[in-house]
Amino acid sequence: MVDITVHLDEELYDKASRVARLDSVSVQQLVEDAVKRHLDYVETVEDFSKMAPLSLADYELVRDADESDVDFDARRALFR
């Protein structure tokens, strides 16, 4: 583990302190969890950027049994 010092302005610390109390954790744990969540988010977004783009060319729009011609055409137009 590496120890670091984080400086929070008073208003931010007060908010963090209230949330930490509600979650029954320390402010330190709250900050660590927020950093972990953000890093997980960044990693997920990076994974998405490596994926092939979604293509609807290989899919056929299925019509609902009770869907009118007008409604089906309007829904199909969303994917053109």
Protein backbone atom coordinates (compact mmCIF):
# COMPACT_ATOMS: atom_id res chain seq x y z
CA MET A 1 0.00 0.00 0.00
CA VAL A 2 1.14 3.52 -0.80
CA ASP A 3 0.15 6.39 1.44
CA ILE A 4 -0.78 9.68 -0.21
CA THR A 5 -2.18 12.96 1.04
CA VAL A 6 -5.32 14.34 -0.56
CA HIS A 7 -6.33 17.94 0.07
CA LEU A 8 -10.07 18.65 0.00
CA ASP A 9 -11.59 22.06 0.49
CA GLU A 10 -13.80 22.36 3.55
CA GLU A 11 -17.11 22.16 1.69
CA LEU A 12 -16.08 19.03 -0.21
CA TYR A 13 -14.77 17.41 2.97
CA ASP A 14 -18.03 18.17 4.79
CA LYS A 15 -20.03 16.54 2.00
CA ALA A 16 -17.70 13.55 1.87
CA SER A 17 -17.86 13.21 5.64
CA ARG A 18 -21.68 13.16 5.61
CA VAL A 19 -21.79 10.54 2.85
CA ALA A 20 -19.14 8.45 4.60
CA ARG A 21 -21.15 8.53 7.84
CA LEU A 22 -24.29 7.43 5.96
CA ASP A 23 -22.32 4.57 4.38
CA SER A 24 -20.63 3.68 7.69
CA VAL A 25 -17.15 4.11 6.23
CA SER A 26 -14.31 6.55 6.73
CA VAL A 27 -13.69 9.46 4.37
CA GLN A 28 -10.48 7.68 3.37
CA GLN A 29 -12.43 4.56 2.39
CA LEU A 30 -15.00 6.68 0.53
CA VAL A 31 -12.23 8.36 -1.50
CA GLU A 32 -10.49 5.03 -2.21
CA ASP A 33 -13.78 3.51 -3.38
CA ALA A 34 -14.48 6.51 -5.63
CA VAL A 35 -11.03 6.20 -7.23
CA LYS A 36 -11.51 2.44 -7.76
CA ARG A 37 -14.94 2.99 -9.35
CA HIS A 38 -13.54 5.64 -11.66
CA LEU A 39 -10.63 3.43 -12.71
CA ASP A 40 -13.04 0.54 -13.40
CA TYR A 41 -15.16 2.92 -15.48
CA VAL A 42 -12.15 4.12 -17.50
CA GLU A 43 -11.06 0.52 -18.11
CA THR A 44 -14.55 -0.42 -19.31
CA VAL A 45 -14.74 2.57 -21.66
CA GLU A 46 -11.32 1.66 -23.07
CA ASP A 47 -12.56 -1.91 -23.65
CA PHE A 48 -15.58 -0.54 -25.54
CA SER A 49 -13.33 1.53 -27.78
CA LYS A 50 -11.55 -1.68 -28.89
CA MET A 51 -14.80 -3.38 -29.91
CA ALA A 52 -15.99 -3.49 -33.50
CA PRO A 53 -18.76 -0.99 -34.18
CA LEU A 54 -22.30 -2.29 -33.89
CA SER A 55 -23.87 -2.98 -37.27
CA LEU A 56 -27.56 -3.60 -37.78
CA ALA A 57 -26.91 -4.98 -41.27
CA ASP A 58 -27.04 -8.55 -39.96
CA TYR A 59 -30.30 -8.12 -38.07
CA GLU A 60 -33.89 -8.15 -39.22
CA LEU A 61 -36.45 -6.04 -37.41
CA VAL A 62 -39.22 -8.26 -36.04
CA ARG A 63 -42.71 -6.89 -36.32
CA ASP A 64 -44.98 -7.05 -33.28
CA ALA A 65 -48.15 -9.05 -33.88
CA ASP A 66 -50.46 -6.11 -33.12
CA GLU A 67 -48.29 -3.42 -34.77
CA SER A 68 -49.88 -1.31 -37.51
CA ASP A 69 -48.13 -0.65 -40.83
CA VAL A 70 -47.61 2.99 -39.84
CA ASP A 71 -46.09 2.09 -36.44
CA PHE A 72 -43.83 -0.59 -37.95
CA ASP A 73 -42.61 1.79 -40.68
CA ALA A 74 -41.92 4.49 -38.06
CA ARG A 75 -39.96 2.06 -35.90
CA ARG A 76 -38.04 0.70 -38.88
CA ALA A 77 -37.12 4.27 -39.91
CA LEU A 78 -35.22 4.63 -36.61
CA PHE A 79 -32.66 2.11 -37.86
CA ARG A 80 -32.02 3.52 -41.35
